[in-house]
PDB file of all heavy atoms in Angstrom:
ATOM      1  N   PHE A   1      84.036 159.487 124.163  1.00  0.00           N
ATOM      2  CA  PHE A   1      84.690 158.293 124.662  1.00  0.00           C
ATOM      3  C   PHE A   1      86.216 158.140 124.301  1.00  0.00           C
ATOM      4  O   PHE A   1      87.003 157.849 125.177  1.00  0.00           O
ATOM      5  CB  PHE A   1      83.977 156.955 124.335  1.00  0.00           C
ATOM      6  CG  PHE A   1      82.796 156.718 125.091  1.00  0.00           C
ATOM      7  CD1 PHE A   1      81.518 156.888 124.715  1.00  0.00           C
ATOM      8  CD2 PHE A   1      82.859 156.342 126.545  1.00  0.00           C
ATOM      9  CE1 PHE A   1      80.393 156.656 125.390  1.00  0.00           C
ATOM     10  CE2 PHE A   1      81.729 156.111 127.242  1.00  0.00           C
ATOM     11  CZ  PHE A   1      80.447 156.274 126.741  1.00  0.00           C
ATOM     12  N   GLY A   2      86.508 158.583 123.142  1.00  0.00           N
ATOM     13  CA  GLY A   2      87.920 158.465 122.733  1.00  0.00           C
ATOM     14  C   GLY A   2      88.818 159.472 123.571  1.00  0.00           C
ATOM     15  O   GLY A   2      89.855 159.099 124.020  1.00  0.00           O
ATOM     16  N   PHE A   3      88.299 160.624 123.640  1.00  0.00           N
ATOM     17  CA  PHE A   3      88.969 161.634 124.526  1.00  0.00           C
ATOM     18  C   PHE A   3      89.058 161.166 126.060  1.00  0.00           C
ATOM     19  O   PHE A   3      90.101 161.435 126.654  1.00  0.00           O
ATOM     20  CB  PHE A   3      88.465 163.052 124.435  1.00  0.00           C
ATOM     21  CG  PHE A   3      88.842 163.755 123.241  1.00  0.00           C
ATOM     22  CD1 PHE A   3      87.879 164.090 122.230  1.00  0.00           C
ATOM     23  CD2 PHE A   3      90.146 163.998 122.880  1.00  0.00           C
ATOM     24  CE1 PHE A   3      88.300 164.796 121.000  1.00  0.00           C
ATOM     25  CE2 PHE A   3      90.541 164.734 121.667  1.00  0.00           C
ATOM     26  CZ  PHE A   3      89.527 165.036 120.744  1.00  0.00           C
ATOM     27  N   LEU A   4      87.874 160.582 126.635  1.00  0.00           N
ATOM     28  CA  LEU A   4      88.047 160.173 127.800  1.00  0.00           C
ATOM     29  C   LEU A   4      89.058 159.076 127.984  1.00  0.00           C
ATOM     30  O   LEU A   4      89.727 158.984 129.120  1.00  0.00           O
ATOM     31  CB  LEU A   4      86.692 159.561 128.210  1.00  0.00           C
ATOM     32  CG  LEU A   4      85.558 160.641 128.532  1.00  0.00           C
ATOM     33  CD1 LEU A   4      84.323 159.836 128.790  1.00  0.00           C
ATOM     34  CD2 LEU A   4      85.942 161.485 129.712  1.00  0.00           C
ATOM     35  N   PHE A   5      89.307 158.196 127.081  1.00  0.00           N
ATOM     36  CA  PHE A   5      90.243 157.218 127.062  1.00  0.00           C
ATOM     37  C   PHE A   5      91.690 157.664 126.944  1.00  0.00           C
ATOM     38  O   PHE A   5      92.694 157.058 127.316  1.00  0.00           O
ATOM     39  CB  PHE A   5      89.904 156.013 126.174  1.00  0.00           C
ATOM     40  CG  PHE A   5      88.870 155.107 126.511  1.00  0.00           C
ATOM     41  CD1 PHE A   5      87.932 155.478 127.372  1.00  0.00           C
ATOM     42  CD2 PHE A   5      88.826 153.892 126.021  1.00  0.00           C
ATOM     43  CE1 PHE A   5      86.837 154.630 127.724  1.00  0.00           C
ATOM     44  CE2 PHE A   5      87.726 152.987 126.388  1.00  0.00           C
ATOM     45  CZ  PHE A   5      86.827 153.376 127.252  1.00  0.00           C
ATOM     46  N   LEU A   6      91.826 158.811 126.319  1.00  0.00           N
ATOM     47  CA  LEU A   6      93.189 159.407 126.076  1.00  0.00           C
ATOM     48  C   LEU A   6      93.655 160.394 127.128  1.00  0.00           C
ATOM     49  O   LEU A   6      94.874 160.231 127.283  1.00  0.00           O
ATOM     50  CB  LEU A   6      93.084 160.137 124.662  1.00  0.00           C
ATOM     51  CG  LEU A   6      93.105 159.185 123.461  1.00  0.00           C
ATOM     52  CD1 LEU A   6      93.030 160.107 122.221  1.00  0.00           C
ATOM     53  CD2 LEU A   6      94.192 158.218 123.388  1.00  0.00           C
ATOM     54  N   VAL A   7      92.935 161.069 127.698  1.00  0.00           N
ATOM     55  CA  VAL A   7      93.385 162.013 128.679  1.00  0.00           C
ATOM     56  C   VAL A   7      93.748 161.297 129.973  1.00  0.00           C
ATOM     57  O   VAL A   7      92.953 160.585 130.574  1.00  0.00           O
ATOM     58  CB  VAL A   7      92.284 163.103 128.966  1.00  0.00           C
ATOM     59  CG1 VAL A   7      92.681 164.053 130.031  1.00  0.00           C
ATOM     60  CG2 VAL A   7      91.840 163.755 127.719  1.00  0.00           C
ATOM     61  N   PRO A   8      95.053 161.552 130.530  1.00  0.00           N
ATOM     62  CA  PRO A   8      95.479 160.839 131.745  1.00  0.00           C
ATOM     63  C   PRO A   8      94.518 161.102 132.925  1.00  0.00           C
ATOM     64  O   PRO A   8      94.357 160.240 133.765  1.00  0.00           O
ATOM     65  CB  PRO A   8      96.796 161.406 131.935  1.00  0.00           C
ATOM     66  CG  PRO A   8      97.159 161.857 130.732  1.00  0.00           C
ATOM     67  CD  PRO A   8      96.079 162.301 129.848  1.00  0.00           C
ATOM     68  N   LEU A   9      94.039 162.231 133.151  1.00  0.00           N
ATOM     69  CA  LEU A   9      93.120 162.578 134.294  1.00  0.00           C
ATOM     70  C   LEU A   9      91.899 161.722 134.297  1.00  0.00           C
ATOM     71  O   LEU A   9      91.364 161.259 135.246  1.00  0.00           O
ATOM     72  CB  LEU A   9      92.757 164.106 134.250  1.00  0.00           C
ATOM     73  CG  LEU A   9      92.041 164.424 135.510  1.00  0.00           C
ATOM     74  CD1 LEU A   9      92.983 164.437 136.739  1.00  0.00           C
ATOM     75  CD2 LEU A   9      91.653 165.926 135.219  1.00  0.00           C
ATOM     76  N   THR A  10      91.334 161.456 133.117  1.00  0.00           N
ATOM     77  CA  THR A  10      90.049 160.609 133.049  1.00  0.00           C
ATOM     78  C   THR A  10      90.438 159.144 132.914  1.00  0.00           C
ATOM     79  O   THR A  10      89.641 158.342 133.175  1.00  0.00           O
ATOM     80  CB  THR A  10      89.151 161.095 132.049  1.00  0.00           C
ATOM     81  OG1 THR A  10      89.925 161.150 130.719  1.00  0.00           O
ATOM     82  CG2 THR A  10      88.563 162.444 132.251  1.00  0.00           C
ATOM     83  N   ARG A  11      91.673 158.910 132.381  1.00  0.00           N
ATOM     84  CA  ARG A  11      92.037 157.424 132.214  1.00  0.00           C
ATOM     85  C   ARG A  11      92.344 156.702 133.508  1.00  0.00           C
ATOM     86  O   ARG A  11      92.095 155.532 133.650  1.00  0.00           O
ATOM     87  CB  ARG A  11      93.187 157.418 131.329  1.00  0.00           C
ATOM     88  CG  ARG A  11      93.487 156.025 130.741  1.00  0.00           C
ATOM     89  CD  ARG A  11      94.548 156.135 129.721  1.00  0.00           C
ATOM     90  NE  ARG A  11      95.838 156.687 130.096  1.00  0.00           N
ATOM     91  CZ  ARG A  11      96.508 157.710 129.460  1.00  0.00           C
ATOM     92  NH1 ARG A  11      96.060 158.212 128.377  1.00  0.00           N
ATOM     93  NH2 ARG A  11      97.627 158.100 130.128  1.00  0.00           N
ATOM     94  N   LEU A  12      92.846 157.549 134.497  1.00  0.00           N
ATOM     95  CA  LEU A  12      93.013 156.960 135.899  1.00  0.00           C
ATOM     96  C   LEU A  12      91.850 156.284 136.436  1.00  0.00           C
ATOM     97  O   LEU A  12      91.921 155.006 136.833  1.00  0.00           O
ATOM     98  CB  LEU A  12      93.701 158.042 136.780  1.00  0.00           C
ATOM     99  CG  LEU A  12      93.950 157.397 138.235  1.00  0.00           C
ATOM    100  CD1 LEU A  12      95.017 156.386 138.277  1.00  0.00           C
ATOM    101  CD2 LEU A  12      94.382 158.609 138.973  1.00  0.00           C
ATOM    102  N   PRO A  13      90.695 156.945 136.660  1.00  0.00           N
ATOM    103  CA  PRO A  13      89.535 156.262 137.248  1.00  0.00           C
ATOM    104  C   PRO A  13      89.061 155.013 136.358  1.00  0.00           C
ATOM    105  O   PRO A  13      88.632 153.951 136.921  1.00  0.00           O
ATOM    106  CB  PRO A  13      88.473 157.301 137.306  1.00  0.00           C
ATOM    107  CG  PRO A  13      89.076 158.614 136.867  1.00  0.00           C
ATOM    108  CD  PRO A  13      90.338 158.337 136.298  1.00  0.00           C
ATOM    109  N   LEU A  14      89.248 155.033 135.019  1.00  0.00           N
ATOM    110  CA  LEU A  14      88.849 154.024 134.142  1.00  0.00           C
ATOM    111  C   LEU A  14      89.699 152.760 134.455  1.00  0.00           C
ATOM    112  O   LEU A  14      89.348 151.691 134.413  1.00  0.00           O
ATOM    113  CB  LEU A  14      88.933 154.414 132.633  1.00  0.00           C
ATOM    114  CG  LEU A  14      87.933 155.421 132.257  1.00  0.00           C
ATOM    115  CD1 LEU A  14      88.102 155.966 130.846  1.00  0.00           C
ATOM    116  CD2 LEU A  14      86.505 154.835 132.272  1.00  0.00           C
ATOM    117  N   ARG A  15      90.964 153.033 134.505  1.00  0.00           N
ATOM    118  CA  ARG A  15      92.075 152.041 134.836  1.00  0.00           C
ATOM    119  C   ARG A  15      91.839 151.453 136.113  1.00  0.00           C
ATOM    120  O   ARG A  15      91.806 150.173 136.276  1.00  0.00           O
ATOM    121  CB  ARG A  15      93.453 152.662 134.805  1.00  0.00           C
ATOM    122  CG  ARG A  15      94.536 151.618 135.018  1.00  0.00           C
ATOM    123  CD  ARG A  15      96.035 152.125 134.898  1.00  0.00           C
ATOM    124  NE  ARG A  15      96.211 152.926 135.874  1.00  0.00           N
ATOM    125  CZ  ARG A  15      96.937 154.152 135.898  1.00  0.00           C
ATOM    126  NH1 ARG A  15      97.404 154.460 134.784  1.00  0.00           N
ATOM    127  NH2 ARG A  15      97.137 154.841 136.942  1.00  0.00           N
ATOM    128  N   LEU A  16      91.518 152.222 137.127  1.00  0.00           N
ATOM    129  CA  LEU A  16      91.173 151.602 138.599  1.00  0.00           C
ATOM    130  C   LEU A  16      89.919 150.838 138.398  1.00  0.00           C
ATOM    131  O   LEU A  16      89.833 149.770 139.059  1.00  0.00           O
ATOM    132  CB  LEU A  16      91.045 152.703 139.464  1.00  0.00           C
ATOM    133  CG  LEU A  16      92.328 153.511 139.858  1.00  0.00           C
ATOM    134  CD1 LEU A  16      91.923 154.689 140.825  1.00  0.00           C
ATOM    135  CD2 LEU A  16      93.353 152.668 140.483  1.00  0.00           C
ATOM    136  N   PHE A  17      88.828 151.146 137.682  1.00  0.00           N
ATOM    137  CA  PHE A  17      87.621 150.477 137.569  1.00  0.00           C
ATOM    138  C   PHE A  17      87.936 149.051 136.866  1.00  0.00           C
ATOM    139  O   PHE A  17      87.501 148.079 137.383  1.00  0.00           O
ATOM    140  CB  PHE A  17      86.646 151.203 136.636  1.00  0.00           C
ATOM    141  CG  PHE A  17      85.482 150.405 136.380  1.00  0.00           C
ATOM    142  CD1 PHE A  17      84.517 150.093 137.170  1.00  0.00           C
ATOM    143  CD2 PHE A  17      85.411 149.836 135.106  1.00  0.00           C
ATOM    144  CE1 PHE A  17      83.315 149.421 136.926  1.00  0.00           C
ATOM    145  CE2 PHE A  17      84.252 149.213 134.739  1.00  0.00           C
ATOM    146  CZ  PHE A  17      83.242 148.854 135.648  1.00  0.00           C
ATOM    147  N   LEU A  18      88.788 149.141 135.823  1.00  0.00           N
ATOM    148  CA  LEU A  18      89.058 147.987 135.146  1.00  0.00           C
ATOM    149  C   LEU A  18      89.891 147.006 136.000  1.00  0.00           C
ATOM    150  O   LEU A  18      89.606 145.785 135.926  1.00  0.00           O
ATOM    151  CB  LEU A  18      89.770 148.192 133.854  1.00  0.00           C
ATOM    152  CG  LEU A  18      90.252 147.053 132.913  1.00  0.00           C
ATOM    153  CD1 LEU A  18      88.888 146.295 132.506  1.00  0.00           C
ATOM    154  CD2 LEU A  18      90.977 147.464 131.757  1.00  0.00           C
ATOM    155  N   LYS A  19      90.816 147.507 136.730  1.00  0.00           N
ATOM    156  CA  LYS A  19      91.625 146.560 137.598  1.00  0.00           C
ATOM    157  C   LYS A  19      90.621 145.934 138.742  1.00  0.00           C
ATOM    158  O   LYS A  19      90.842 144.759 139.025  1.00  0.00           O
ATOM    159  CB  LYS A  19      92.746 147.440 138.307  1.00  0.00           C
ATOM    160  CG  LYS A  19      93.848 147.765 137.285  1.00  0.00           C
ATOM    161  CD  LYS A  19      94.842 148.747 137.960  1.00  0.00           C
ATOM    162  CE  LYS A  19      95.641 148.156 138.997  1.00  0.00           C
ATOM    163  NZ  LYS A  19      96.777 148.929 139.381  1.00  0.00           N
ATOM    164  N   ARG A  20      89.725 146.679 139.280  1.00  0.00           N
ATOM    165  CA  ARG A  20      88.806 146.123 140.259  1.00  0.00           C
ATOM    166  C   ARG A  20      87.959 145.053 139.616  1.00  0.00           C
ATOM    167  O   ARG A  20      87.744 144.083 140.189  1.00  0.00           O
ATOM    168  CB  ARG A  20      88.017 147.280 140.803  1.00  0.00           C
ATOM    169  CG  ARG A  20      88.568 147.945 141.923  1.00  0.00           C
ATOM    170  CD  ARG A  20      87.509 148.798 142.728  1.00  0.00           C
ATOM    171  NE  ARG A  20      86.549 149.618 141.907  1.00  0.00           N
ATOM    172  CZ  ARG A  20      86.895 150.880 141.543  1.00  0.00           C
ATOM    173  NH1 ARG A  20      88.045 151.425 141.968  1.00  0.00           N
ATOM    174  NH2 ARG A  20      86.059 151.585 140.949  1.00  0.00           N
ATOM    175  N   LYS A  21      87.405 145.428 138.435  1.00  0.00           N
ATOM    176  CA  LYS A  21      86.590 144.384 137.696  1.00  0.00           C
ATOM    177  C   LYS A  21      87.276 143.030 137.426  1.00  0.00           C
ATOM    178  O   LYS A  21      86.681 141.998 137.470  1.00  0.00           O
ATOM    179  CB  LYS A  21      86.033 145.130 136.418  1.00  0.00           C
ATOM    180  CG  LYS A  21      85.015 144.202 135.656  1.00  0.00           C
ATOM    181  CD  LYS A  21      83.757 144.261 136.452  1.00  0.00           C
ATOM    182  CE  LYS A  21      82.659 143.581 135.615  1.00  0.00           C
ATOM    183  NZ  LYS A  21      81.548 143.289 136.275  1.00  0.00           N
ATOM    184  N   LEU A  22      88.584 143.227 136.866  1.00  0.00           N
ATOM    185  CA  LEU A  22      89.306 142.063 136.458  1.00  0.00           C
ATOM    186  C   LEU A  22      89.723 141.307 137.734  1.00  0.00           C
ATOM    187  O   LEU A  22      89.566 140.052 137.903  1.00  0.00           O
ATOM    188  CB  LEU A  22      90.632 142.493 135.815  1.00  0.00           C
ATOM    189  CG  LEU A  22      90.583 143.062 134.469  1.00  0.00           C
ATOM    190  CD1 LEU A  22      91.806 143.545 133.868  1.00  0.00           C
ATOM    191  CD2 LEU A  22      89.882 141.994 133.461  1.00  0.00           C
ATOM    192  N   ALA A  23      89.971 141.879 138.900  1.00  0.00           N
ATOM    193  CA  ALA A  23      90.113 141.210 140.137  1.00  0.00           C
ATOM    194  C   ALA A  23      88.950 140.482 140.656  1.00  0.00           C
ATOM    195  O   ALA A  23      89.018 139.395 141.201  1.00  0.00           O
ATOM    196  CB  ALA A  23      90.692 142.201 141.282  1.00  0.00           C
ATOM    197  N   GLN A  24      87.885 141.154 140.459  1.00  0.00           N
ATOM    198  CA  GLN A  24      86.646 140.527 140.904  1.00  0.00           C
ATOM    199  C   GLN A  24      86.216 139.326 140.111  1.00  0.00           C
ATOM    200  O   GLN A  24      85.866 138.216 140.581  1.00  0.00           O
ATOM    201  CB  GLN A  24      85.373 141.485 140.836  1.00  0.00           C
ATOM    202  CG  GLN A  24      84.074 141.000 141.098  1.00  0.00           C
ATOM    203  CD  GLN A  24      82.994 142.060 140.779  1.00  0.00           C
ATOM    204  OE1 GLN A  24      83.187 143.073 140.259  1.00  0.00           O
ATOM    205  NE2 GLN A  24      81.746 141.720 141.088  1.00  0.00           N
ATOM    206  N   MET A  25      86.487 139.449 138.797  1.00  0.00           N
ATOM    207  CA  MET A  25      86.225 138.211 137.852  1.00  0.00           C
ATOM    208  C   MET A  25      87.197 137.181 138.063  1.00  0.00           C
ATOM    209  O   MET A  25      86.743 135.979 138.009  1.00  0.00           O
ATOM    210  CB  MET A  25      86.381 138.743 136.393  1.00  0.00           C
ATOM    211  CG  MET A  25      85.308 139.636 135.921  1.00  0.00           C
ATOM    212  SD  MET A  25      85.612 140.406 134.281  1.00  0.00           S
ATOM    213  CE  MET A  25      85.525 138.919 133.255  1.00  0.00           C
ATOM    214  N   MET A  26      88.314 137.401 138.540  1.00  0.00           N
ATOM    215  CA  MET A  26      89.372 136.389 138.916  1.00  0.00           C
ATOM    216  C   MET A  26      88.918 135.703 140.097  1.00  0.00           C
ATOM    217  O   MET A  26      89.110 134.502 140.349  1.00  0.00           O
ATOM    218  CB  MET A  26      90.823 136.986 138.916  1.00  0.00           C
ATOM    219  CG  MET A  26      91.276 137.176 137.621  1.00  0.00           C
ATOM    220  SD  MET A  26      92.951 138.119 137.522  1.00  0.00           S
ATOM    221  CE  MET A  26      93.851 137.178 138.553  1.00  0.00           C
ATOM    222  N   ALA A  27      88.533 136.586 141.121  1.00  0.00           N
ATOM    223  CA  ALA A  27      88.137 135.905 142.439  1.00  0.00           C
ATOM    224  C   ALA A  27      86.881 135.113 142.398  1.00  0.00           C
ATOM    225  O   ALA A  27      86.811 134.146 143.077  1.00  0.00           O
ATOM    226  CB  ALA A  27      87.978 137.164 143.422  1.00  0.00           C
ATOM    227  N   ASP A  28      85.926 135.513 141.503  1.00  0.00           N
ATOM    228  CA  ASP A  28      84.572 134.641 141.539  1.00  0.00           C
ATOM    229  C   ASP A  28      84.748 133.614 140.488  1.00  0.00           C
ATOM    230  O   ASP A  28      83.721 132.799 140.238  1.00  0.00           O
ATOM    231  CB  ASP A  28      83.368 135.493 141.304  1.00  0.00           C
ATOM    232  CG  ASP A  28      83.273 136.280 139.826  1.00  0.00           C
ATOM    233  OD1 ASP A  28      84.039 135.797 138.977  1.00  0.00           O
ATOM    234  OD2 ASP A  28      82.430 137.099 139.742  1.00  0.00           O
ATOM    235  N   GLY A  29      85.884 133.346 139.791  1.00  0.00           N
ATOM    236  CA  GLY A  29      86.117 132.322 138.844  1.00  0.00           C
ATOM    237  C   GLY A  29      85.438 132.469 137.524  1.00  0.00           C
ATOM    238  O   GLY A  29      85.474 131.628 136.638  1.00  0.00           O
ATOM    239  N   SER A  30      84.940 133.650 137.106  1.00  0.00           N
ATOM    240  CA  SER A  30      84.462 133.876 135.776  1.00  0.00           C
ATOM    241  C   SER A  30      85.565 134.192 134.793  1.00  0.00           C
ATOM    242  O   SER A  30      85.275 134.322 133.631  1.00  0.00           O
ATOM    243  CB  SER A  30      83.486 135.080 135.691  1.00  0.00           C
ATOM    244  OG  SER A  30      83.974 136.246 136.241  1.00  0.00           O
TER     245      SER A  30
END
């Protein structure tokens, strides 16, 4: 997991997932 979070190639999909999750949480009021 540490290497997945550090390598830019694998960090991009993680970042996109987190942005979608945060937007969803903001939209549904949680």
